[in-house]
């Protein structure tokens, strides 16, 4: 069956104002047979993650045959070219990034300066994180830049893990142990609790099936991710009720991720057997 070429690219809706680390765009393509880019130079870093097919990447005088599961890095101002094979043309996702922290990010992930290619094997999280950046741009809003940079850091953490001695496709297939996975969930929720996140979104971002992730998390912590997130938000709200007396109940609810202040009050009472207003008044009397 002949594959139909496709091309899609999404740009960051937020302008580059800080200069530390920035993702200008991300895209995805099913290339044509013998699809060739270059020889050319780019003014930014560019990474391609191969979803399927084979092709060649010419860099620093060498030519490398690459396949699905591999990611190749294009440094800025380096003369490169890359081409899909005729028999099995590449399908890949790509991300551009730049800024003062970009080189340190690349170095920390263990990309070889002679052959800047990382093999993540069958690790599903890599492709998911590329897609998560695209979704952040599609959703838009002022948070798109921060989400893209966050996903980029998570992506390079996967590259760093794959570059460590002893990391191979088999290791990636096994994935982290249950304790490590629970830690990933806790870290994700602890940083994203104020956002309109869902467990489905988190599972997608981390590259796991929701049912599997929820089961492992409950085995390790004794509660589901939904309950953990709810309690985390309520506990953050308690802190604000004590320390930010100028904020209204509605403002505090919104600050910890509740869009409905009535639902917030109901859940607060469920955990602490009193309303947010009653809790705040009790703290004032101490």
Protein backbone atom coordinates (compact mmCIF):
# COMPACT_ATOMS: atom_id res chain seq x y z
CA UNK A 1 0.00 0.00 0.00
CA UNK A 2 1.34 3.43 -1.00
CA UNK A 3 1.72 5.87 1.88
CA UNK A 4 0.16 9.28 1.32
CA UNK A 5 2.55 12.16 2.11
CA UNK A 6 1.35 14.50 4.86
CA UNK A 7 2.76 17.66 6.43
CA UNK A 8 1.60 19.57 9.52
CA UNK A 9 3.33 22.27 11.55
CA UNK A 10 2.17 24.36 14.53
CA UNK A 11 3.83 27.57 15.74
CA UNK A 12 4.20 28.84 19.27
CA UNK A 13 1.50 31.50 19.79
CA UNK A 14 3.64 33.22 22.45
CA UNK A 15 6.55 35.42 21.24
CA UNK A 16 10.07 34.73 22.45
CA UNK A 17 10.57 37.32 25.18
CA UNK A 18 13.02 35.72 27.60
CA UNK A 19 15.75 34.16 25.48
CA UNK A 20 16.50 31.29 27.88
CA UNK A 21 14.73 28.41 26.14
CA UNK A 22 12.07 28.69 23.47
CA UNK A 23 10.22 26.30 21.14
CA UNK A 24 9.28 28.20 17.93
CA UNK A 25 7.38 25.37 16.25
CA UNK A 26 6.69 21.64 16.09
CA UNK A 27 5.38 19.43 13.31
CA UNK A 28 4.82 16.00 11.87
CA UNK A 29 5.20 14.52 8.40
CA UNK A 30 4.82 11.34 6.42
CA UNK A 31 7.49 11.95 3.81
CA UNK A 32 7.58 10.91 0.17
CA UNK A 33 10.04 8.28 -1.08
CA UNK A 34 13.51 9.80 -1.46
CA UNK A 35 12.35 13.02 0.25
CA UNK A 36 15.52 15.13 0.62
CA UNK A 37 16.27 18.14 2.81
CA UNK A 38 19.54 20.02 2.26
CA UNK A 39 22.41 20.34 2.21
CA UNK A 40 21.57 23.39 4.31
CA UNK A 41 22.07 25.06 7.68
CA UNK A 42 19.49 26.07 10.30
CA UNK A 43 19.69 28.99 12.72
CA UNK A 44 18.26 26.95 15.62
CA UNK A 45 18.32 23.44 17.07
CA UNK A 46 16.03 20.92 15.40
CA UNK A 47 15.23 17.36 16.51
CA UNK A 48 13.40 14.71 14.50
CA UNK A 49 11.93 11.60 16.11
CA UNK A 50 11.34 8.79 13.62
CA UNK A 51 7.99 7.04 14.02
CA UNK A 52 8.40 4.64 11.10
CA UNK A 53 10.47 4.02 8.01
CA UNK A 54 14.16 4.44 7.28
CA UNK A 55 16.45 7.09 5.84
CA UNK A 56 19.87 8.70 6.06
CA UNK A 57 21.25 11.66 8.00
CA UNK A 58 24.43 13.31 6.72
CA UNK A 59 26.33 15.21 9.42
CA UNK A 60 29.98 16.32 9.79
CA UNK A 61 31.16 14.28 6.83
CA UNK A 62 29.43 11.06 7.90
CA UNK A 63 26.21 9.45 6.74
CA UNK A 64 24.04 7.50 9.16
CA UNK A 65 21.17 5.15 8.39
CA UNK A 66 18.33 5.78 10.86
CA UNK A 67 15.12 3.92 11.66
CA UNK A 68 12.02 4.09 13.86
CA UNK A 69 12.74 4.77 17.53
CA UNK A 70 15.75 6.97 16.82
CA UNK A 71 15.97 10.75 17.19
CA UNK A 72 18.51 12.87 15.32
CA UNK A 73 19.63 16.32 16.40
CA UNK A 74 20.50 19.13 14.00
CA UNK A 75 22.67 21.79 15.69
CA UNK A 76 22.46 25.40 14.50
CA UNK A 77 24.79 26.56 11.72
CA UNK A 78 25.91 23.01 10.86
CA UNK A 79 25.74 21.89 7.22
CA UNK A 80 23.47 18.84 7.11
CA UNK A 81 21.15 16.89 4.86
CA UNK A 82 18.68 14.08 5.45
CA UNK A 83 16.63 11.90 3.16
CA UNK A 84 13.94 9.24 3.39
CA UNK A 85 14.49 5.88 1.75
CA UNK A 86 12.63 4.91 -1.39
CA UNK A 87 11.20 1.66 -0.02
CA UNK A 88 10.13 2.84 3.46
CA UNK A 89 10.04 6.64 3.68
CA UNK A 90 10.21 8.21 7.11
CA UNK A 91 7.31 9.36 9.19
CA UNK A 92 8.64 11.68 11.88
CA UNK A 93 7.81 14.43 14.34
CA UNK A 94 10.08 17.42 14.85
CA UNK A 95 10.67 20.24 17.32
CA UNK A 96 12.71 23.42 16.90
CA UNK A 97 14.23 25.06 19.97
CA UNK A 98 16.69 27.84 20.77
CA UNK A 99 17.94 30.08 23.55
CA UNK A 100 20.75 30.50 26.06
CA UNK A 101 19.95 27.18 27.78
CA UNK A 102 19.61 25.15 24.57
CA UNK A 103 23.22 23.99 24.33
CA UNK A 104 23.30 22.95 27.99
CA UNK A 105 20.10 20.97 27.48
CA UNK A 106 21.64 19.10 24.55
CA UNK A 107 24.89 18.41 26.40
CA UNK A 108 23.11 17.24 29.52
CA UNK A 109 21.05 14.74 27.53
CA UNK A 110 24.21 13.05 26.28
CA UNK A 111 23.96 13.74 22.56
CA UNK A 112 27.24 12.72 20.92
CA UNK A 113 28.79 15.72 19.14
CA UNK A 114 30.17 13.40 16.43
CA UNK A 115 26.96 11.43 15.86
CA UNK A 116 24.04 13.37 17.41
CA UNK A 117 21.58 10.48 17.43
CA UNK A 118 19.76 8.90 20.39
CA UNK A 119 17.98 5.54 20.22
CA UNK A 120 15.01 5.34 22.60
CA UNK A 121 13.82 1.99 21.23
CA UNK A 122 10.14 1.28 21.87
CA UNK A 123 9.75 3.92 24.57
CA UNK A 124 6.24 5.34 23.86
CA UNK A 125 6.73 8.50 25.92
CA UNK A 126 9.06 10.12 23.39
CA UNK A 127 6.49 10.32 20.59
CA UNK A 128 3.82 11.35 23.11
CA UNK A 129 5.89 14.28 24.36
CA UNK A 130 6.39 15.53 20.80
CA UNK A 131 2.63 15.38 20.36
CA UNK A 132 2.08 17.13 23.72
CA UNK A 133 4.03 20.16 22.50
CA UNK A 134 1.88 20.27 19.39
CA UNK A 135 -1.23 20.09 21.54
CA UNK A 136 0.04 22.96 23.72
CA UNK A 137 0.38 25.13 20.61
CA UNK A 138 -3.05 24.08 19.38
CA UNK A 139 -4.64 25.04 22.71
CA UNK A 140 -2.84 28.39 22.59
CA UNK A 141 -2.99 30.93 25.37
CA UNK A 142 -0.28 32.54 27.43
CA UNK A 143 0.68 29.17 28.98
CA UNK A 144 1.63 27.58 25.64
CA UNK A 145 5.28 28.64 25.94
CA UNK A 146 5.69 27.28 29.46
CA UNK A 147 3.98 24.01 28.59
CA UNK A 148 6.19 23.57 25.53
CA UNK A 149 9.37 24.19 27.52
CA UNK A 150 8.17 21.81 30.25
CA UNK A 151 7.48 19.03 27.78
CA UNK A 152 10.84 19.72 26.11
CA UNK A 153 12.62 19.16 29.44
CA UNK A 154 10.70 15.91 29.97
CA UNK A 155 11.64 14.83 26.45
CA UNK A 156 15.34 15.47 27.05
CA UNK A 157 15.09 13.54 30.31
CA UNK A 158 14.06 10.54 28.18
CA UNK A 159 17.04 11.14 25.89
CA UNK A 160 19.35 11.35 28.91
CA UNK A 161 18.01 8.05 30.28
CA UNK A 162 18.51 6.37 26.90
CA UNK A 163 22.09 7.69 26.66
CA UNK A 164 23.16 6.25 30.03
CA UNK A 165 25.32 3.11 29.98
CA UNK A 166 23.16 0.00 30.10
CA UNK A 167 20.07 1.72 28.69
CA UNK A 168 18.68 -0.13 25.68
CA UNK A 169 15.39 -0.91 23.98
CA UNK A 170 14.71 -3.75 26.41
CA UNK A 171 15.15 -1.48 29.38
CA UNK A 172 12.77 1.04 27.85
CA UNK A 173 10.17 -1.63 27.25
CA UNK A 174 10.20 -2.60 30.91
CA UNK A 175 9.83 1.02 31.91
CA UNK A 176 10.36 2.39 35.43
CA UNK A 177 9.52 0.37 38.52
CA UNK A 178 6.30 1.03 40.40
CA UNK A 179 7.88 3.33 42.98
CA UNK A 180 9.56 5.44 40.29
CA UNK A 181 6.32 5.70 38.33
CA UNK A 182 4.41 6.84 41.41
CA UNK A 183 7.11 9.46 41.92
CA UNK A 184 6.64 10.70 38.36
CA UNK A 185 2.91 11.09 38.95
CA UNK A 186 3.45 12.96 42.23
CA UNK A 187 5.96 15.32 40.62
CA UNK A 188 3.66 15.98 37.67
CA UNK A 189 0.58 16.67 39.80
CA UNK A 190 2.57 18.76 42.31
CA UNK A 191 3.60 21.14 39.54
CA UNK A 192 0.40 21.10 37.45
CA UNK A 193 -2.34 21.07 40.14
CA UNK A 194 -3.35 24.69 39.44
CA UNK A 195 -3.93 23.92 35.74
CA UNK A 196 -7.13 22.43 34.26
CA UNK A 197 -5.47 19.02 33.98
CA UNK A 198 -7.08 15.60 33.93
CA UNK A 199 -5.72 12.16 34.68
CA UNK A 200 -6.12 11.32 30.98
CA UNK A 201 -3.96 14.30 30.04
CA UNK A 202 -1.32 13.34 32.59
CA UNK A 203 -1.23 9.71 31.44
CA UNK A 204 -0.84 10.90 27.85
CA UNK A 205 1.96 13.30 28.78
CA UNK A 206 3.85 10.64 30.74
CA UNK A 207 3.29 8.02 28.05
CA UNK A 208 1.24 5.47 29.98
CA UNK A 209 -2.15 3.85 29.77
CA UNK A 210 -4.47 5.56 32.28
CA UNK A 211 -5.73 2.31 33.84
CA UNK A 212 -2.18 0.99 34.31
CA UNK A 213 -0.93 4.27 35.73
CA UNK A 214 -3.85 4.53 38.18
CA UNK A 215 -3.44 0.94 39.32
CA UNK A 216 0.29 1.28 40.01
CA UNK A 217 -0.18 4.62 41.76
CA UNK A 218 -2.85 3.25 44.09
CA UNK A 219 -0.67 0.23 44.92
CA UNK A 220 2.13 2.57 45.94
CA UNK A 221 0.20 5.34 47.71
CA UNK A 222 -3.11 3.83 48.77
CA UNK A 223 -5.13 6.38 46.79
CA UNK A 224 -6.04 6.99 43.17
CA UNK A 225 -4.44 9.84 41.20
CA UNK A 226 -7.83 11.58 41.20
CA UNK A 227 -8.02 11.53 45.00
CA UNK A 228 -4.37 12.58 45.33
CA UNK A 229 -4.92 15.56 43.01
CA UNK A 230 -8.08 16.57 44.84
CA UNK A 231 -6.42 16.42 48.26
CA UNK A 232 -3.36 18.25 46.93
CA UNK A 233 -5.55 21.09 45.69
CA UNK A 234 -7.50 21.26 48.97
CA UNK A 235 -4.29 21.33 51.03
CA UNK A 236 -2.89 24.13 48.84
CA UNK A 237 -6.17 25.99 49.38
CA UNK A 238 -5.89 25.60 53.17
CA UNK A 239 -2.50 27.26 53.03
CA UNK A 240 -3.89 30.19 51.03
CA UNK A 241 -6.88 30.52 53.37
CA UNK A 242 -4.46 30.93 56.28
CA UNK A 243 -1.84 33.13 54.65
CA UNK A 244 -3.66 35.19 51.99
CA UNK A 245 -6.53 36.78 53.85
CA UNK A 246 -7.04 39.37 51.11
CA UNK A 247 -8.08 36.67 48.61
CA UNK A 248 -11.73 35.72 48.27
CA UNK A 249 -12.88 32.09 48.44
CA UNK A 250 -13.55 32.22 44.68
CA UNK A 251 -10.01 33.52 44.00
CA UNK A 252 -8.46 30.81 46.15
CA UNK A 253 -10.53 28.13 44.41
CA UNK A 254 -9.31 29.32 41.02
CA UNK A 255 -5.71 29.52 42.25
CA UNK A 256 -5.61 25.81 43.09
CA UNK A 257 -7.37 24.53 39.98
CA UNK A 258 -11.08 24.62 40.85
CA UNK A 259 -13.21 26.35 38.23
CA UNK A 260 -16.40 26.04 40.32
CA UNK A 261 -16.19 27.62 43.81
CA UNK A 262 -19.28 25.67 44.97
CA UNK A 263 -17.61 22.38 44.04
CA UNK A 264 -14.47 23.57 45.83
CA UNK A 265 -16.44 24.29 49.01
CA UNK A 266 -18.15 20.91 48.82
CA UNK A 267 -14.84 19.06 48.49
CA UNK A 268 -13.21 21.14 51.23
CA UNK A 269 -16.03 20.20 53.59
CA UNK A 270 -15.68 16.55 52.56
CA UNK A 271 -12.04 16.46 53.63
CA UNK A 272 -12.13 18.76 56.67
CA UNK A 273 -15.78 18.75 57.79
CA UNK A 274 -16.14 22.51 57.61
CA UNK A 275 -16.52 25.13 54.92
CA UNK A 276 -13.54 27.18 53.65
CA UNK A 277 -15.05 30.28 55.28
CA UNK A 278 -15.40 28.51 58.63
CA UNK A 279 -11.83 27.22 58.41
CA UNK A 280 -10.52 30.73 57.66
CA UNK A 281 -12.48 32.18 60.59
CA UNK A 282 -11.15 29.49 62.93
CA UNK A 283 -7.58 30.31 61.85
CA UNK A 284 -8.16 34.01 62.51
CA UNK A 285 -9.10 33.27 66.11
CA UNK A 286 -5.87 31.40 66.86
